């Protein structure tokens, strides 16, 4: 029998229990809200092709219907490498390649967040040097019309001098692009998904404060593509002869730098940006760069 003084306490405990149950249920089904505009798009692959196969570049059928955006033919396909790695880790989503660097490896992605691979290798095992991993909001699967407006890929760097870096320093070789001669001879980023090989032409390489420049907005919900491109070009060490239209898709490669202090300054970044090339774009082997006389440097 419950006393008159104990009954209110019983009711309160019962209400608290019910409230906790509701919270747990909502958490289980709520998941992560990616706010990806491509979420309502049915991903498509060329007829007869599985998601782990890449479209062969340069093969056109005049009787085929308009495919929309047709990417530039890549010099090679990395579909096989992605498929092989995917058998080891289902999180494998792509392959990144920069000629004459050690950047030639798989890209993984955890669609629930960016923490899993921050200090893990591409198989998910702990590794302080990490791996190359795509932002969880980047849409990579499907065709060129369905990928995110801005594919963001992260990688660690333990030094600002690429010559002293070993292979495991994942994105340190990006800093080779601070050398004008190297940058002119290496104007392209090659990125492959499971279904397509892409070529991006670099349009900026800059230092920034990640708290003040939202370059990781994969779907341009908080900033515009034009603002991102303008900020990137203002801060670029070199002026690239590349125009970026409002409908162009881009790639952003982000890594650490120590230019503005030691590792305690955790918001300093070095970022390289590229514009996706279409089949109609020219692709010269080299480009002519000029030094930006006053690149806009970050403040902290």
Protein backbone atom coordinates (compact mmCIF):
# COMPACT_ATOMS: atom_id res chain seq x y z
CA UNK A 1 0.00 0.00 0.00
CA UNK A 2 1.37 3.44 -0.96
CA UNK A 3 1.15 6.21 1.60
CA UNK A 4 -0.21 9.63 0.72
CA UNK A 5 3.28 11.12 0.97
CA UNK A 6 4.90 8.41 -1.20
CA UNK A 7 2.40 8.56 -4.05
CA UNK A 8 3.62 11.89 -5.55
CA UNK A 9 7.22 10.57 -5.48
CA UNK A 10 6.09 7.37 -7.24
CA UNK A 11 4.27 9.37 -9.93
CA UNK A 12 7.32 11.61 -10.44
CA UNK A 13 9.64 8.62 -10.82
CA UNK A 14 7.23 6.98 -13.27
CA UNK A 15 7.07 10.17 -15.35
CA UNK A 16 10.85 10.47 -15.40
CA UNK A 17 11.16 6.85 -16.55
CA UNK A 18 8.72 7.44 -19.40
CA UNK A 19 10.55 10.63 -20.41
CA UNK A 20 13.88 8.82 -20.56
CA UNK A 21 12.34 6.06 -22.68
CA UNK A 22 11.04 8.63 -25.18
CA UNK A 23 14.47 10.28 -25.40
CA UNK A 24 16.18 6.94 -26.05
CA UNK A 25 13.70 6.04 -28.79
CA UNK A 26 14.08 9.41 -30.50
CA UNK A 27 17.86 9.15 -30.33
CA UNK A 28 17.82 5.71 -31.87
CA UNK A 29 15.70 6.74 -34.82
CA UNK A 30 16.84 10.33 -35.20
CA UNK A 31 20.37 9.52 -36.35
CA UNK A 32 22.53 12.19 -37.96
CA UNK A 33 20.78 14.86 -40.00
CA UNK A 34 23.09 15.26 -42.99
CA UNK A 35 20.94 17.89 -44.71
CA UNK A 36 22.28 16.68 -48.04
CA UNK A 37 20.24 17.99 -51.00
CA UNK A 38 21.04 14.78 -52.88
CA UNK A 39 19.36 12.58 -50.26
CA UNK A 40 16.16 12.43 -52.27
CA UNK A 41 18.00 11.46 -55.47
CA UNK A 42 18.11 7.84 -56.56
CA UNK A 43 21.75 7.07 -57.25
CA UNK A 44 22.33 5.72 -60.73
CA UNK A 45 25.13 3.83 -62.43
CA UNK A 46 25.62 3.15 -66.14
CA UNK A 47 23.54 0.22 -67.36
CA UNK A 48 25.06 -3.14 -66.53
CA UNK A 49 27.58 -1.65 -64.13
CA UNK A 50 27.80 -2.44 -60.44
CA UNK A 51 28.55 0.27 -57.85
CA UNK A 52 32.12 -1.04 -57.51
CA UNK A 53 32.92 -0.57 -61.19
CA UNK A 54 34.09 2.67 -62.75
CA UNK A 55 32.84 4.03 -66.02
CA UNK A 56 35.48 3.67 -68.71
CA UNK A 57 36.56 7.21 -69.65
CA UNK A 58 36.29 8.31 -73.23
CA UNK A 59 33.75 5.74 -74.40
CA UNK A 60 30.74 7.48 -75.93
CA UNK A 61 27.69 6.05 -77.63
CA UNK A 62 25.94 8.57 -79.93
CA UNK A 63 22.66 6.73 -79.38
CA UNK A 64 22.77 7.16 -75.60
CA UNK A 65 20.54 9.84 -74.05
CA UNK A 66 22.08 12.99 -72.59
CA UNK A 67 23.96 12.07 -69.40
CA UNK A 68 24.04 15.62 -68.05
CA UNK A 69 27.48 16.61 -66.83
CA UNK A 70 30.16 14.53 -68.55
CA UNK A 71 33.48 14.53 -66.68
CA UNK A 72 36.82 14.93 -68.41
CA UNK A 73 38.52 11.65 -69.29
CA UNK A 74 40.98 10.71 -66.56
CA UNK A 75 44.38 9.27 -67.56
CA UNK A 76 43.64 6.13 -65.54
CA UNK A 77 40.89 4.49 -63.52
CA UNK A 78 41.21 3.52 -59.86
CA UNK A 79 38.02 1.44 -59.71
CA UNK A 80 39.94 -1.78 -59.17
CA UNK A 81 41.92 -0.38 -56.25
CA UNK A 82 38.74 0.91 -54.59
CA UNK A 83 36.95 -2.41 -55.04
CA UNK A 84 39.90 -4.34 -53.61
CA UNK A 85 40.10 -2.11 -50.56
CA UNK A 86 36.34 -2.17 -50.09
CA UNK A 87 36.61 -5.92 -49.50
CA UNK A 88 38.75 -5.04 -46.47
CA UNK A 89 36.71 -2.05 -45.29
CA UNK A 90 33.22 -1.18 -46.52
CA UNK A 91 33.92 2.49 -45.72
CA UNK A 92 36.21 2.80 -48.76
CA UNK A 93 34.58 5.35 -51.07
CA UNK A 94 37.29 6.68 -53.36
CA UNK A 95 40.89 7.04 -54.41
CA UNK A 96 43.00 10.22 -54.43
CA UNK A 97 46.07 10.71 -56.62
CA UNK A 98 48.50 13.60 -57.03
CA UNK A 99 51.32 12.78 -59.46
CA UNK A 100 54.92 12.84 -58.16
CA UNK A 101 53.80 12.67 -54.53
CA UNK A 102 53.01 9.87 -52.10
CA UNK A 103 49.34 10.83 -52.30
CA UNK A 104 48.08 7.79 -54.16
CA UNK A 105 45.73 5.88 -51.89
CA UNK A 106 42.25 5.02 -50.76
CA UNK A 107 39.81 7.53 -49.25
CA UNK A 108 37.41 6.30 -46.58
CA UNK A 109 34.28 7.85 -45.09
CA UNK A 110 32.18 7.33 -41.98
CA UNK A 111 28.76 8.69 -42.87
CA UNK A 112 27.87 9.33 -39.21
CA UNK A 113 30.70 11.76 -38.41
CA UNK A 114 34.34 12.74 -38.80
CA UNK A 115 35.74 11.23 -35.60
CA UNK A 116 36.22 7.58 -36.56
CA UNK A 117 39.18 8.09 -38.90
CA UNK A 118 40.74 11.13 -37.25
CA UNK A 119 43.40 8.93 -35.64
CA UNK A 120 42.87 5.67 -37.50
CA UNK A 121 44.24 4.06 -40.63
CA UNK A 122 42.08 3.19 -43.62
CA UNK A 123 41.09 -0.12 -42.03
CA UNK A 124 39.84 1.57 -38.87
CA UNK A 125 42.78 0.60 -36.63
CA UNK A 126 44.38 3.25 -34.41
CA UNK A 127 47.11 5.17 -36.20
CA UNK A 128 48.30 8.58 -35.04
CA UNK A 129 49.10 9.54 -38.63
CA UNK A 130 45.52 8.80 -39.64
CA UNK A 131 44.43 8.29 -43.24
CA UNK A 132 42.69 10.17 -46.03
CA UNK A 133 39.01 10.49 -45.19
CA UNK A 134 36.08 12.37 -46.67
CA UNK A 135 33.85 14.65 -44.66
CA UNK A 136 30.76 12.75 -43.55
CA UNK A 137 28.49 15.17 -45.42
CA UNK A 138 30.27 14.72 -48.76
CA UNK A 139 28.20 12.80 -51.28
CA UNK A 140 30.62 10.76 -53.38
CA UNK A 141 28.58 7.91 -54.89
CA UNK A 142 26.58 8.15 -58.08
CA UNK A 143 27.36 10.16 -61.20
CA UNK A 144 28.90 13.61 -61.56
CA UNK A 145 25.51 15.32 -61.28
CA UNK A 146 24.85 13.65 -57.93
CA UNK A 147 28.10 14.24 -56.04
CA UNK A 148 28.23 17.04 -53.50
CA UNK A 149 29.00 20.56 -54.72
CA UNK A 150 32.07 20.46 -52.50
CA UNK A 151 33.80 17.16 -51.72
CA UNK A 152 36.00 17.70 -48.66
CA UNK A 153 38.89 15.34 -47.88
CA UNK A 154 41.05 15.50 -44.74
CA UNK A 155 44.53 14.22 -44.06
CA UNK A 156 47.12 14.84 -41.34
CA UNK A 157 50.47 16.58 -41.77
CA UNK A 158 53.22 16.58 -39.14
CA UNK A 159 55.59 19.00 -40.85
CA UNK A 160 55.63 21.95 -43.25
CA UNK A 161 58.66 20.62 -45.12
CA UNK A 162 57.57 17.90 -47.58
CA UNK A 163 61.18 16.86 -48.25
CA UNK A 164 61.52 15.57 -44.69
CA UNK A 165 58.19 13.79 -44.55
CA UNK A 166 57.87 10.05 -44.75
CA UNK A 167 55.10 8.25 -46.62
CA UNK A 168 52.86 8.05 -43.57
CA UNK A 169 52.56 11.84 -43.35
CA UNK A 170 49.39 11.70 -45.38
CA UNK A 171 48.83 15.23 -46.68
CA UNK A 172 52.26 16.78 -46.15
CA UNK A 173 53.00 16.45 -49.92
CA UNK A 174 50.23 18.99 -50.59
CA UNK A 175 52.74 21.60 -49.46
CA UNK A 176 54.83 20.87 -52.53
CA UNK A 177 52.30 23.12 -54.23
CA UNK A 178 53.90 26.04 -52.40
CA UNK A 179 56.80 25.64 -54.83
CA UNK A 180 55.93 27.57 -57.99
CA UNK A 181 57.81 25.28 -60.37
CA UNK A 182 56.17 22.16 -58.92
CA UNK A 183 52.72 23.77 -58.88
CA UNK A 184 52.97 24.79 -62.54
CA UNK A 185 53.83 21.23 -63.55
CA UNK A 186 51.17 19.64 -61.33
CA UNK A 187 47.92 21.58 -61.86
CA UNK A 188 45.52 18.66 -61.40
CA UNK A 189 43.95 16.55 -58.66
CA UNK A 190 42.72 13.08 -59.64
CA UNK A 191 39.89 11.65 -57.57
CA UNK A 192 37.89 8.51 -58.28
CA UNK A 193 34.68 7.24 -56.75
CA UNK A 194 33.35 3.72 -57.15
CA UNK A 195 31.51 4.78 -60.29
CA UNK A 196 33.51 7.55 -61.95
CA UNK A 197 37.02 8.97 -62.38
CA UNK A 198 37.31 12.74 -62.01
CA UNK A 199 39.90 15.39 -62.83
CA UNK A 200 39.98 18.66 -60.88
CA UNK A 201 42.08 21.64 -61.90
CA UNK A 202 43.59 23.47 -58.95
CA UNK A 203 42.40 27.06 -58.58
CA UNK A 204 43.80 27.97 -55.13
CA UNK A 205 46.21 26.84 -52.41
CA UNK A 206 46.03 28.84 -49.22
CA UNK A 207 46.49 29.13 -45.46
CA UNK A 208 43.40 29.78 -43.36
CA UNK A 209 41.81 29.77 -39.92
CA UNK A 210 39.26 26.95 -39.90
CA UNK A 211 37.13 28.87 -37.39
CA UNK A 212 36.82 31.88 -39.69
CA UNK A 213 36.62 30.26 -43.14
CA UNK A 214 33.90 27.65 -43.58
CA UNK A 215 35.44 25.79 -46.51
CA UNK A 216 34.05 22.44 -45.30
CA UNK A 217 30.45 23.36 -46.19
CA UNK A 218 29.88 20.41 -48.53
CA UNK A 219 26.46 21.52 -49.78
CA UNK A 220 26.79 25.30 -49.42
CA UNK A 221 24.09 25.61 -46.80
CA UNK A 222 25.91 28.14 -44.60
CA UNK A 223 27.94 29.91 -47.25
CA UNK A 224 27.81 30.30 -51.01
CA UNK A 225 30.08 28.71 -53.54
CA UNK A 226 30.99 32.18 -54.83
CA UNK A 227 32.07 33.33 -51.34
CA UNK A 228 34.18 30.21 -50.86
CA UNK A 229 35.89 30.59 -54.23
CA UNK A 230 36.54 34.31 -53.74
CA UNK A 231 38.01 33.77 -50.28
CA UNK A 232 40.17 30.92 -51.55
CA UNK A 233 41.53 33.00 -54.43
CA UNK A 234 42.20 36.00 -52.18
CA UNK A 235 44.28 33.80 -49.91
CA UNK A 236 45.95 31.70 -52.61
CA UNK A 237 49.74 31.84 -52.66
CA UNK A 238 49.65 31.81 -56.46
CA UNK A 239 47.17 33.19 -58.94
CA UNK A 240 45.81 30.29 -60.99
CA UNK A 241 44.38 30.93 -64.49
CA UNK A 242 41.15 29.16 -63.58
CA UNK A 243 37.65 30.60 -63.62
CA UNK A 244 35.07 28.88 -61.40
CA UNK A 245 31.42 29.23 -62.42
CA UNK A 246 28.57 29.10 -59.92
CA UNK A 247 27.49 25.64 -61.09
CA UNK A 248 30.98 24.12 -61.00
CA UNK A 249 31.69 21.42 -58.45
CA UNK A 250 34.83 21.61 -56.40
CA UNK A 251 37.10 19.54 -54.18
CA UNK A 252 38.79 20.79 -50.99
CA UNK A 253 41.86 19.04 -49.57
CA UNK A 254 42.50 20.10 -45.98
CA UNK A 255 45.51 19.54 -43.74
CA UNK A 256 47.36 20.98 -40.75
CA UNK A 257 50.11 23.59 -40.91
CA UNK A 258 52.49 25.07 -38.34
CA UNK A 259 53.19 28.32 -40.12
CA UNK A 260 51.42 30.37 -37.46
CA UNK A 261 52.79 28.72 -34.33
CA UNK A 262 53.14 25.30 -32.78
CA UNK A 263 50.61 22.51 -32.51
CA UNK A 264 48.69 24.42 -29.82
CA UNK A 265 47.24 26.59 -32.59
CA UNK A 266 44.83 23.90 -33.74
CA UNK A 267 42.83 26.05 -36.17
CA UNK A 268 45.55 26.76 -38.72
CA UNK A 269 45.09 24.95 -42.02
CA UNK A 270 46.60 24.59 -45.47
CA UNK A 271 43.91 23.90 -48.07
CA UNK A 272 44.06 23.12 -51.79
CA UNK A 273 40.98 23.68 -53.95
CA UNK A 274 40.12 22.25 -57.36
CA UNK A 275 37.38 22.70 -59.97
CA UNK A 276 35.83 19.64 -61.62
CA UNK A 277 36.69 19.45 -65.31
CA UNK A 278 34.07 18.59 -67.90
CA UNK A 279 34.72 16.79 -71.15
CA UNK A 280 34.64 20.11 -73.02
CA UNK A 281 37.40 21.67 -70.88
CA UNK A 282 40.96 21.84 -72.13
CA UNK A 283 43.61 20.13 -70.05
CA UNK A 284 47.10 21.51 -70.71
CA UNK A 285 49.99 19.60 -69.17
CA UNK A 286 51.31 22.68 -67.37
CA UNK A 287 50.02 26.10 -66.38
CA UNK A 288 51.64 29.49 -65.90
CA UNK A 289 51.28 30.92 -62.40
CA UNK A 290 51.96 34.34 -60.96
CA UNK A 291 52.68 35.01 -57.32
CA UNK A 292 49.88 36.64 -55.40
CA UNK A 293 51.58 39.86 -54.22
CA UNK A 294 49.42 40.09 -51.11
CA UNK A 295 47.63 36.81 -50.27
CA UNK A 296 45.13 37.33 -47.50
CA UNK A 297 46.60 35.54 -44.49
CA UNK A 298 44.53 34.23 -41.56
CA UNK A 299 44.30 35.87 -38.17
CA UNK A 300 43.91 33.96 -34.92
